[in-house]
């Protein structure tokens, strides 16, 4: 199998192109776990499959490092958009991508060589009701700065779904958060029947925030596009940033620009980059031996 490894601000995915040839018949959950393994596989936060779609221009399926399937991924969307345009599958700078979380519109900005520099994604309208997150409690109420206890830790949570669930927490010093401890505690809390992504936010000023994330199914990652969007929505609802203006979100892997417009849609702009192209030996996928990859740098 041919693959392309890409990253959006350090959030890395191994991409399989099914537009020309379907993927080999095997468990995609197991494939993602083995391929994502940093020691015996290729190493990534998960895998992405690009396929034809009956309802949009293209379809994207995302599997996390633990094999679970994700509904959406902002960084993955930018990688897919760049791949499709750079490889001349998409001939228009604007096109649509089907995800489990819904159909997403994207627009690419290109350089003089017609290669994609940045991708702007219409992430749609955030979902705020508990029943839409989903989160335990009255399904038609909103979780806004709501106090909860997780083991020995107490936090105030604002819950936002951007096609996948996020628990956003505001702190004074993001560097002091024991993310590796509280991340899995909150992710697997009984409050969230489908688990949850956990984001910590430090407000820098009215148009700038720091953001760190524990991703559902992947753990600590360098960036999370949907999480950055959820963080800006939560910060706006809690009146910590200006409304309807671009907000710069600083992540460990780099910066994203997020806007929540007056029509209710959240827009995300940022880069995507190639790491390498290569071949994966899938004949070993059904054995106890991890796959062997050959990289073409």
C-alpha atoms as a PDB file:
ATOM      1  CA  UNK A   1       0.000   0.000   0.000  1.00  0.00           C
ATOM      2  CA  UNK A   2       1.223   3.496  -0.837  1.00  0.00           C
ATOM      3  CA  UNK A   3       0.930   6.120   1.885  1.00  0.00           C
ATOM      4  CA  UNK A   4       1.646   9.774   2.532  1.00  0.00           C
ATOM      5  CA  UNK A   5       2.508  11.042   5.992  1.00  0.00           C
ATOM      6  CA  UNK A   6       1.412  14.628   6.654  1.00  0.00           C
ATOM      7  CA  UNK A   7       1.034  16.887   9.651  1.00  0.00           C
ATOM      8  CA  UNK A   8      -0.949  19.951  10.618  1.00  0.00           C
ATOM      9  CA  UNK A   9       1.081  21.810  13.264  1.00  0.00           C
ATOM     10  CA  UNK A  10       2.662  18.543  14.397  1.00  0.00           C
ATOM     11  CA  UNK A  11      -0.627  16.601  14.502  1.00  0.00           C
ATOM     12  CA  UNK A  12       0.543  13.783  12.210  1.00  0.00           C
ATOM     13  CA  UNK A  13      -1.488  11.335  10.110  1.00  0.00           C
ATOM     14  CA  UNK A  14      -0.693   8.553   7.679  1.00  0.00           C
ATOM     15  CA  UNK A  15      -2.932   9.073   4.647  1.00  0.00           C
ATOM     16  CA  UNK A  16      -4.153   6.342   2.321  1.00  0.00           C
ATOM     17  CA  UNK A  17      -5.580   7.447  -1.041  1.00  0.00           C
ATOM     18  CA  UNK A  18      -8.562   5.307  -2.074  1.00  0.00           C
ATOM     19  CA  UNK A  19      -9.642   7.494  -4.980  1.00  0.00           C
ATOM     20  CA  UNK A  20      -7.730   5.375  -7.493  1.00  0.00           C
ATOM     21  CA  UNK A  21      -7.501   2.041  -5.670  1.00  0.00           C
ATOM     22  CA  UNK A  22      -9.445   0.723  -2.642  1.00  0.00           C
ATOM     23  CA  UNK A  23      -7.467  -0.173   0.461  1.00  0.00           C
ATOM     24  CA  UNK A  24      -6.594  -3.817   1.117  1.00  0.00           C
ATOM     25  CA  UNK A  25      -9.355  -5.805   2.857  1.00  0.00           C
ATOM     26  CA  UNK A  26      -8.505  -5.679   6.565  1.00  0.00           C
ATOM     27  CA  UNK A  27      -9.505  -4.186   9.900  1.00  0.00           C
ATOM     28  CA  UNK A  28      -9.034  -0.422   9.694  1.00  0.00           C
ATOM     29  CA  UNK A  29      -9.073  -0.223  13.491  1.00  0.00           C
ATOM     30  CA  UNK A  30      -6.152  -2.641  13.732  1.00  0.00           C
ATOM     31  CA  UNK A  31      -4.386  -0.993  10.806  1.00  0.00           C
ATOM     32  CA  UNK A  32      -4.481   2.372  12.568  1.00  0.00           C
ATOM     33  CA  UNK A  33      -3.098   0.957  15.809  1.00  0.00           C
ATOM     34  CA  UNK A  34      -0.215  -0.787  14.077  1.00  0.00           C
ATOM     35  CA  UNK A  35       0.647   1.992  11.644  1.00  0.00           C
ATOM     36  CA  UNK A  36       0.513   4.650  14.389  1.00  0.00           C
ATOM     37  CA  UNK A  37       2.973   2.780  16.611  1.00  0.00           C
ATOM     38  CA  UNK A  38       6.064   4.985  16.830  1.00  0.00           C
ATOM     39  CA  UNK A  39       8.426   2.068  17.488  1.00  0.00           C
ATOM     40  CA  UNK A  40       7.173  -0.712  15.212  1.00  0.00           C
ATOM     41  CA  UNK A  41       4.950   1.132  12.741  1.00  0.00           C
ATOM     42  CA  UNK A  42       5.300   4.424  10.888  1.00  0.00           C
ATOM     43  CA  UNK A  43       4.386   6.609  13.847  1.00  0.00           C
ATOM     44  CA  UNK A  44       1.410   9.004  13.831  1.00  0.00           C
ATOM     45  CA  UNK A  45      -1.666  10.210  15.708  1.00  0.00           C
ATOM     46  CA  UNK A  46      -3.779   7.985  13.462  1.00  0.00           C
ATOM     47  CA  UNK A  47      -4.643   7.230   9.840  1.00  0.00           C
ATOM     48  CA  UNK A  48      -6.861   8.978   7.274  1.00  0.00           C
ATOM     49  CA  UNK A  49      -8.580   7.399   4.281  1.00  0.00           C
ATOM     50  CA  UNK A  50      -9.532   9.591   1.304  1.00  0.00           C
ATOM     51  CA  UNK A  51     -12.387   8.115  -0.729  1.00  0.00           C
ATOM     52  CA  UNK A  52     -15.105   9.070  -3.226  1.00  0.00           C
ATOM     53  CA  UNK A  53     -18.298  10.478  -1.702  1.00  0.00           C
ATOM     54  CA  UNK A  54     -21.935  10.360  -2.773  1.00  0.00           C
ATOM     55  CA  UNK A  55     -22.851  13.525  -0.871  1.00  0.00           C
ATOM     56  CA  UNK A  56     -19.720  15.719  -1.181  1.00  0.00           C
ATOM     57  CA  UNK A  57     -16.728  16.097  -3.486  1.00  0.00           C
ATOM     58  CA  UNK A  58     -14.621  13.704  -1.361  1.00  0.00           C
ATOM     59  CA  UNK A  59     -14.874  11.618   1.797  1.00  0.00           C
ATOM     60  CA  UNK A  60     -12.453  11.482   4.734  1.00  0.00           C
ATOM     61  CA  UNK A  61     -12.423   8.770   7.413  1.00  0.00           C
ATOM     62  CA  UNK A  62     -10.174   9.197  10.451  1.00  0.00           C
ATOM     63  CA  UNK A  63      -8.977   6.515  12.856  1.00  0.00           C
ATOM     64  CA  UNK A  64      -7.182   7.450  16.060  1.00  0.00           C
ATOM     65  CA  UNK A  65      -3.994   5.961  17.421  1.00  0.00           C
ATOM     66  CA  UNK A  66      -6.027   3.565  19.612  1.00  0.00           C
ATOM     67  CA  UNK A  67      -8.049   2.319  16.622  1.00  0.00           C
ATOM     68  CA  UNK A  68     -11.251   4.234  17.387  1.00  0.00           C
ATOM     69  CA  UNK A  69     -12.899   6.141  14.541  1.00  0.00           C
ATOM     70  CA  UNK A  70     -13.166   9.925  14.924  1.00  0.00           C
ATOM     71  CA  UNK A  71     -16.036  12.041  13.632  1.00  0.00           C
ATOM     72  CA  UNK A  72     -13.912  14.991  12.585  1.00  0.00           C
ATOM     73  CA  UNK A  73     -10.390  16.423  12.713  1.00  0.00           C
ATOM     74  CA  UNK A  74      -9.492  20.008  11.849  1.00  0.00           C
ATOM     75  CA  UNK A  75      -5.791  19.332  11.287  1.00  0.00           C
ATOM     76  CA  UNK A  76      -6.593  16.221   9.283  1.00  0.00           C
ATOM     77  CA  UNK A  77      -8.991  18.209   7.090  1.00  0.00           C
ATOM     78  CA  UNK A  78      -6.239  20.655   6.173  1.00  0.00           C
ATOM     79  CA  UNK A  79      -3.894  17.794   5.289  1.00  0.00           C
ATOM     80  CA  UNK A  80      -6.544  16.173   3.106  1.00  0.00           C
ATOM     81  CA  UNK A  81      -7.392  19.468   1.363  1.00  0.00           C
ATOM     82  CA  UNK A  82      -3.717  20.101   0.572  1.00  0.00           C
ATOM     83  CA  UNK A  83      -3.237  16.521  -0.668  1.00  0.00           C
ATOM     84  CA  UNK A  84      -6.274  16.697  -2.959  1.00  0.00           C
ATOM     85  CA  UNK A  85      -5.314  20.041  -4.514  1.00  0.00           C
ATOM     86  CA  UNK A  86      -1.564  19.433  -4.785  1.00  0.00           C
ATOM     87  CA  UNK A  87      -2.185  16.053  -6.464  1.00  0.00           C
ATOM     88  CA  UNK A  88      -4.715  17.646  -8.856  1.00  0.00           C
ATOM     89  CA  UNK A  89      -7.747  15.661  -7.740  1.00  0.00           C
ATOM     90  CA  UNK A  90      -9.396  18.945  -6.760  1.00  0.00           C
ATOM     91  CA  UNK A  91      -9.255  21.492  -9.595  1.00  0.00           C
ATOM     92  CA  UNK A  92     -11.176  24.221  -7.773  1.00  0.00           C
ATOM     93  CA  UNK A  93      -9.784  26.064  -4.761  1.00  0.00           C
ATOM     94  CA  UNK A  94     -13.122  25.520  -3.006  1.00  0.00           C
ATOM     95  CA  UNK A  95     -14.544  22.030  -2.465  1.00  0.00           C
ATOM     96  CA  UNK A  96     -16.359  19.880   0.105  1.00  0.00           C
ATOM     97  CA  UNK A  97     -15.263  16.928   2.240  1.00  0.00           C
ATOM     98  CA  UNK A  98     -17.597  14.431   3.888  1.00  0.00           C
ATOM     99  CA  UNK A  99     -16.755  13.403   7.483  1.00  0.00           C
ATOM    100  CA  UNK A 100     -18.665  11.408  10.096  1.00  0.00           C
ATOM    101  CA  UNK A 101     -19.366  14.768  11.749  1.00  0.00           C
ATOM    102  CA  UNK A 102     -20.925  16.225   8.588  1.00  0.00           C
ATOM    103  CA  UNK A 103     -19.954  17.854   5.285  1.00  0.00           C
ATOM    104  CA  UNK A 104     -17.209  20.480   5.536  1.00  0.00           C
ATOM    105  CA  UNK A 105     -16.347  23.237   3.035  1.00  0.00           C
ATOM    106  CA  UNK A 106     -12.669  24.076   2.492  1.00  0.00           C
ATOM    107  CA  UNK A 107     -10.747  26.715   0.542  1.00  0.00           C
ATOM    108  CA  UNK A 108      -7.030  26.542  -0.263  1.00  0.00           C
ATOM    109  CA  UNK A 109      -4.593  29.431  -0.621  1.00  0.00           C
ATOM    110  CA  UNK A 110      -1.847  28.623  -3.140  1.00  0.00           C
ATOM    111  CA  UNK A 111       1.640  29.957  -3.874  1.00  0.00           C
ATOM    112  CA  UNK A 112       3.144  30.926  -7.244  1.00  0.00           C
ATOM    113  CA  UNK A 113       3.804  27.253  -8.009  1.00  0.00           C
ATOM    114  CA  UNK A 114       0.124  26.461  -7.310  1.00  0.00           C
ATOM    115  CA  UNK A 115       0.985  24.474  -4.183  1.00  0.00           C
ATOM    116  CA  UNK A 116      -1.191  24.911  -1.102  1.00  0.00           C
ATOM    117  CA  UNK A 117       0.169  27.249   1.586  1.00  0.00           C
ATOM    118  CA  UNK A 118      -2.771  27.422   3.969  1.00  0.00           C
ATOM    119  CA  UNK A 119      -6.255  25.948   4.155  1.00  0.00           C
ATOM    120  CA  UNK A 120      -9.372  27.691   5.470  1.00  0.00           C
ATOM    121  CA  UNK A 121     -12.068  25.350   6.736  1.00  0.00           C
ATOM    122  CA  UNK A 122     -15.702  26.155   7.468  1.00  0.00           C
ATOM    123  CA  UNK A 123     -16.105  24.049  10.605  1.00  0.00           C
ATOM    124  CA  UNK A 124     -19.834  24.814  10.758  1.00  0.00           C
ATOM    125  CA  UNK A 125     -21.858  25.785  13.802  1.00  0.00           C
ATOM    126  CA  UNK A 126     -20.788  24.604  17.252  1.00  0.00           C
ATOM    127  CA  UNK A 127     -23.186  22.384  19.181  1.00  0.00           C
ATOM    128  CA  UNK A 128     -23.639  23.418  22.801  1.00  0.00           C
ATOM    129  CA  UNK A 129     -26.540  21.421  24.265  1.00  0.00           C
ATOM    130  CA  UNK A 130     -25.603  18.550  26.588  1.00  0.00           C
ATOM    131  CA  UNK A 131     -27.534  16.092  24.451  1.00  0.00           C
ATOM    132  CA  UNK A 132     -25.466  17.094  21.401  1.00  0.00           C
ATOM    133  CA  UNK A 133     -22.046  16.794  23.061  1.00  0.00           C
ATOM    134  CA  UNK A 134     -23.086  14.190  24.386  1.00  0.00           C
ATOM    135  CA  UNK A 135     -22.861  14.774  28.153  1.00  0.00           C
ATOM    136  CA  UNK A 136     -24.908  13.538  31.071  1.00  0.00           C
ATOM    137  CA  UNK A 137     -27.546  15.902  32.437  1.00  0.00           C
ATOM    138  CA  UNK A 138     -30.539  17.771  31.039  1.00  0.00           C
ATOM    139  CA  UNK A 139     -30.054  17.304  27.259  1.00  0.00           C
ATOM    140  CA  UNK A 140     -31.425  20.757  26.387  1.00  0.00           C
ATOM    141  CA  UNK A 141     -29.145  22.743  28.726  1.00  0.00           C
ATOM    142  CA  UNK A 142     -25.710  24.238  28.052  1.00  0.00           C
ATOM    143  CA  UNK A 143     -22.557  23.451  30.046  1.00  0.00           C
ATOM    144  CA  UNK A 144     -21.028  26.885  30.639  1.00  0.00           C
ATOM    145  CA  UNK A 145     -18.254  27.161  33.251  1.00  0.00           C
ATOM    146  CA  UNK A 146     -19.825  24.267  35.177  1.00  0.00           C
ATOM    147  CA  UNK A 147     -17.935  22.877  38.208  1.00  0.00           C
ATOM    148  CA  UNK A 148     -17.068  19.153  38.248  1.00  0.00           C
ATOM    149  CA  UNK A 149     -14.797  16.889  40.274  1.00  0.00           C
ATOM    150  CA  UNK A 150     -12.448  14.403  38.593  1.00  0.00           C
ATOM    151  CA  UNK A 151     -10.653  12.331  41.193  1.00  0.00           C
ATOM    152  CA  UNK A 152      -8.601  14.791  43.241  1.00  0.00           C
ATOM    153  CA  UNK A 153      -9.012  17.581  40.674  1.00  0.00           C
ATOM    154  CA  UNK A 154     -11.800  20.161  40.444  1.00  0.00           C
ATOM    155  CA  UNK A 155     -12.380  22.118  37.224  1.00  0.00           C
ATOM    156  CA  UNK A 156     -14.992  24.377  35.662  1.00  0.00           C
ATOM    157  CA  UNK A 157     -15.954  23.027  32.228  1.00  0.00           C
ATOM    158  CA  UNK A 158     -17.498  24.538  29.132  1.00  0.00           C
ATOM    159  CA  UNK A 159     -18.622  21.785  26.738  1.00  0.00           C
ATOM    160  CA  UNK A 160     -18.597  22.300  22.961  1.00  0.00           C
ATOM    161  CA  UNK A 161     -19.003  19.891  20.058  1.00  0.00           C
ATOM    162  CA  UNK A 162     -17.352  20.734  16.742  1.00  0.00           C
ATOM    163  CA  UNK A 163     -18.438  17.426  15.229  1.00  0.00           C
ATOM    164  CA  UNK A 164     -16.602  15.769  18.131  1.00  0.00           C
ATOM    165  CA  UNK A 165     -16.895  16.532  21.862  1.00  0.00           C
ATOM    166  CA  UNK A 166     -14.621  18.933  23.765  1.00  0.00           C
ATOM    167  CA  UNK A 167     -14.387  19.831  27.442  1.00  0.00           C
ATOM    168  CA  UNK A 168     -12.742  23.274  27.645  1.00  0.00           C
ATOM    169  CA  UNK A 169     -11.139  24.466  30.903  1.00  0.00           C
ATOM    170  CA  UNK A 170      -9.647  27.913  31.572  1.00  0.00           C
ATOM    171  CA  UNK A 171      -6.516  28.173  33.722  1.00  0.00           C
ATOM    172  CA  UNK A 172      -4.174  30.959  34.796  1.00  0.00           C
ATOM    173  CA  UNK A 173      -0.989  29.061  33.904  1.00  0.00           C
ATOM    174  CA  UNK A 174      -1.251  26.353  31.272  1.00  0.00           C
ATOM    175  CA  UNK A 175       2.281  25.096  31.997  1.00  0.00           C
ATOM    176  CA  UNK A 176       1.232  24.000  35.486  1.00  0.00           C
ATOM    177  CA  UNK A 177      -1.547  21.663  34.259  1.00  0.00           C
ATOM    178  CA  UNK A 178      -0.709  17.937  34.789  1.00  0.00           C
ATOM    179  CA  UNK A 179      -2.238  17.102  31.410  1.00  0.00           C
ATOM    180  CA  UNK A 180      -0.954  13.526  31.358  1.00  0.00           C
ATOM    181  CA  UNK A 181      -2.890  12.867  34.598  1.00  0.00           C
ATOM    182  CA  UNK A 182      -6.106  14.868  34.272  1.00  0.00           C
ATOM    183  CA  UNK A 183      -6.456  14.310  30.516  1.00  0.00           C
ATOM    184  CA  UNK A 184      -7.345  10.611  30.731  1.00  0.00           C
ATOM    185  CA  UNK A 185      -9.371  11.200  33.928  1.00  0.00           C
ATOM    186  CA  UNK A 186     -11.695  13.629  32.171  1.00  0.00           C
ATOM    187  CA  UNK A 187     -11.655  11.807  28.799  1.00  0.00           C
ATOM    188  CA  UNK A 188     -12.993   8.639  30.412  1.00  0.00           C
ATOM    189  CA  UNK A 189     -15.304  10.305  32.939  1.00  0.00           C
ATOM    190  CA  UNK A 190     -18.826   8.894  33.160  1.00  0.00           C
ATOM    191  CA  UNK A 191     -20.019  12.431  32.374  1.00  0.00           C
ATOM    192  CA  UNK A 192     -19.202  11.770  28.723  1.00  0.00           C
ATOM    193  CA  UNK A 193     -20.779   8.572  27.307  1.00  0.00           C
ATOM    194  CA  UNK A 194     -18.647   8.738  24.136  1.00  0.00           C
ATOM    195  CA  UNK A 195     -15.544  10.054  25.956  1.00  0.00           C
ATOM    196  CA  UNK A 196     -14.276  13.581  25.319  1.00  0.00           C
ATOM    197  CA  UNK A 197     -11.330  15.655  24.120  1.00  0.00           C
ATOM    198  CA  UNK A 198      -9.878  17.732  26.959  1.00  0.00           C
ATOM    199  CA  UNK A 199      -8.571  21.252  26.268  1.00  0.00           C
ATOM    200  CA  UNK A 200      -6.895  23.711  28.646  1.00  0.00           C
ATOM    201  CA  UNK A 201      -6.866  27.401  27.736  1.00  0.00           C
ATOM    202  CA  UNK A 202      -4.852  30.353  29.048  1.00  0.00           C
ATOM    203  CA  UNK A 203      -6.086  33.781  27.944  1.00  0.00           C
ATOM    204  CA  UNK A 204      -3.253  36.032  26.684  1.00  0.00           C
ATOM    205  CA  UNK A 205      -5.416  38.986  25.648  1.00  0.00           C
ATOM    206  CA  UNK A 206      -8.756  39.685  23.963  1.00  0.00           C
ATOM    207  CA  UNK A 207      -7.643  38.166  20.635  1.00  0.00           C
ATOM    208  CA  UNK A 208      -4.968  35.621  21.613  1.00  0.00           C
ATOM    209  CA  UNK A 209      -4.983  32.381  23.646  1.00  0.00           C
ATOM    210  CA  UNK A 210      -2.700  29.467  24.535  1.00  0.00           C
ATOM    211  CA  UNK A 211      -4.175  25.974  24.139  1.00  0.00           C
ATOM    212  CA  UNK A 212      -3.073  22.464  25.148  1.00  0.00           C
ATOM    213  CA  UNK A 213      -5.017  19.300  24.469  1.00  0.00           C
ATOM    214  CA  UNK A 214      -5.489  15.702  25.492  1.00  0.00           C
ATOM    215  CA  UNK A 215      -7.178  14.097  22.482  1.00  0.00           C
ATOM    216  CA  UNK A 216      -9.710  11.329  22.844  1.00  0.00           C
ATOM    217  CA  UNK A 217      -8.045   8.147  21.626  1.00  0.00           C
ATOM    218  CA  UNK A 218      -4.625   9.724  21.013  1.00  0.00           C
ATOM    219  CA  UNK A 219      -3.480  11.401  24.243  1.00  0.00           C
ATOM    220  CA  UNK A 220      -1.321  14.527  24.248  1.00  0.00           C
ATOM    221  CA  UNK A 221      -0.862  15.893  20.726  1.00  0.00           C
ATOM    222  CA  UNK A 222       0.925  18.898  19.239  1.00  0.00           C
ATOM    223  CA  UNK A 223      -2.301  20.414  17.916  1.00  0.00           C
ATOM    224  CA  UNK A 224      -6.047  19.866  17.577  1.00  0.00           C
ATOM    225  CA  UNK A 225      -8.010  21.866  15.013  1.00  0.00           C
ATOM    226  CA  UNK A 226     -11.506  21.147  16.299  1.00  0.00           C
ATOM    227  CA  UNK A 227     -10.213  21.744  19.819  1.00  0.00           C
ATOM    228  CA  UNK A 228      -8.850  25.170  18.870  1.00  0.00           C
ATOM    229  CA  UNK A 229     -12.277  26.018  17.436  1.00  0.00           C
ATOM    230  CA  UNK A 230     -14.016  24.770  20.591  1.00  0.00           C
ATOM    231  CA  UNK A 231     -11.605  26.809  22.724  1.00  0.00           C
ATOM    232  CA  UNK A 232     -12.470  30.034  20.877  1.00  0.00           C
ATOM    233  CA  UNK A 233     -16.205  29.308  21.117  1.00  0.00           C
ATOM    234  CA  UNK A 234     -15.873  28.639  24.860  1.00  0.00           C
ATOM    235  CA  UNK A 235     -13.738  31.747  25.385  1.00  0.00           C
ATOM    236  CA  UNK A 236     -16.306  33.850  23.518  1.00  0.00           C
ATOM    237  CA  UNK A 237     -19.222  32.431  25.506  1.00  0.00           C
ATOM    238  CA  UNK A 238     -17.349  33.156  28.746  1.00  0.00           C
ATOM    239  CA  UNK A 239     -16.605  36.717  27.505  1.00  0.00           C
ATOM    240  CA  UNK A 240     -12.842  36.240  27.631  1.00  0.00           C
ATOM    241  CA  UNK A 241     -12.114  37.241  23.987  1.00  0.00           C
ATOM    242  CA  UNK A 242     -13.633  39.644  21.462  1.00  0.00           C
ATOM    243  CA  UNK A 243     -16.635  38.463  19.429  1.00  0.00           C
ATOM    244  CA  UNK A 244     -16.558  37.974  15.639  1.00  0.00           C
ATOM    245  CA  UNK A 245     -12.858  38.778  15.214  1.00  0.00           C
ATOM    246  CA  UNK A 246      -9.971  36.452  14.292  1.00  0.00           C
ATOM    247  CA  UNK A 247      -8.434  34.846  17.389  1.00  0.00           C
ATOM    248  CA  UNK A 248      -4.872  33.525  17.294  1.00  0.00           C
ATOM    249  CA  UNK A 249      -4.588  30.153  19.026  1.00  0.00           C
ATOM    250  CA  UNK A 250      -1.070  29.162  20.083  1.00  0.00           C
ATOM    251  CA  UNK A 251      -0.555  25.380  20.141  1.00  0.00           C
ATOM    252  CA  UNK A 252       2.680  23.427  20.775  1.00  0.00           C
ATOM    253  CA  UNK A 253       2.935  22.742  17.020  1.00  0.00           C
ATOM    254  CA  UNK A 254       2.228  26.297  15.856  1.00  0.00           C
ATOM    255  CA  UNK A 255      -0.583  28.826  15.441  1.00  0.00           C
ATOM    256  CA  UNK A 256      -4.109  28.653  14.048  1.00  0.00           C
ATOM    257  CA  UNK A 257      -6.439  31.551  13.273  1.00  0.00           C
ATOM    258  CA  UNK A 258     -10.040  30.940  14.387  1.00  0.00           C
ATOM    259  CA  UNK A 259     -13.086  33.139  13.737  1.00  0.00           C
ATOM    260  CA  UNK A 260     -16.659  32.632  14.994  1.00  0.00           C
ATOM    261  CA  UNK A 261     -18.651  34.788  12.606  1.00  0.00           C
ATOM    262  CA  UNK A 262     -21.917  36.662  13.104  1.00  0.00           C
ATOM    263  CA  UNK A 263     -23.792  33.907  11.227  1.00  0.00           C
ATOM    264  CA  UNK A 264     -22.717  31.292  13.766  1.00  0.00           C
ATOM    265  CA  UNK A 265     -20.080  29.468  11.691  1.00  0.00           C
ATOM    266  CA  UNK A 266     -16.561  28.796  12.960  1.00  0.00           C
ATOM    267  CA  UNK A 267     -13.709  29.293  10.466  1.00  0.00           C
ATOM    268  CA  UNK A 268     -10.220  27.854  10.891  1.00  0.00           C
ATOM    269  CA  UNK A 269      -7.124  28.799   8.887  1.00  0.00           C
ATOM    270  CA  UNK A 270      -3.716  27.169   9.100  1.00  0.00           C
ATOM    271  CA  UNK A 271      -0.980  25.238   7.279  1.00  0.00           C
ATOM    272  CA  UNK A 272      -0.468  21.557   6.438  1.00  0.00           C
ATOM    273  CA  UNK A 273       2.794  19.897   5.439  1.00  0.00           C
ATOM    274  CA  UNK A 274       4.174  16.680   3.982  1.00  0.00           C
ATOM    275  CA  UNK A 275       6.558  14.491   5.972  1.00  0.00           C
ATOM    276  CA  UNK A 276       7.200  11.706   3.454  1.00  0.00           C
ATOM    277  CA  UNK A 277       5.694   9.310   0.915  1.00  0.00           C
ATOM    278  CA  UNK A 278       6.268   5.561   1.036  1.00  0.00           C
ATOM    279  CA  UNK A 279       5.091   1.967   0.857  1.00  0.00           C
ATOM    280  CA  UNK A 280       3.559  -0.180   3.596  1.00  0.00           C
ATOM    281  CA  UNK A 281       3.845  -3.976   3.623  1.00  0.00           C
ATOM    282  CA  UNK A 282       0.313  -5.067   4.582  1.00  0.00           C
ATOM    283  CA  UNK A 283       1.031  -8.782   4.216  1.00  0.00           C
ATOM    284  CA  UNK A 284       2.099  -8.676   7.855  1.00  0.00           C
ATOM    285  CA  UNK A 285      -1.004  -6.933   9.179  1.00  0.00           C
ATOM    286  CA  UNK A 286      -2.775 -10.134  10.199  1.00  0.00           C
ATOM    287  CA  UNK A 287       0.202 -11.490  12.126  1.00  0.00           C
ATOM    288  CA  UNK A 288       1.761 -10.642  15.462  1.00  0.00           C
ATOM    289  CA  UNK A 289       4.551  -8.839  13.627  1.00  0.00           C
ATOM    290  CA  UNK A 290       4.176  -5.116  13.110  1.00  0.00           C
ATOM    291  CA  UNK A 291       4.115  -3.702   9.554  1.00  0.00           C
ATOM    292  CA  UNK A 292       7.253  -2.710   7.744  1.00  0.00           C
ATOM    293  CA  UNK A 293       7.258   0.614   5.940  1.00  0.00           C
ATOM    294  CA  UNK A 294       9.682   1.882   3.301  1.00  0.00           C
ATOM    295  CA  UNK A 295       9.929   5.656   3.254  1.00  0.00           C
ATOM    296  CA  UNK A 296      10.540   7.681   0.121  1.00  0.00           C
ATOM    297  CA  UNK A 297      11.711  11.026   1.458  1.00  0.00           C
END
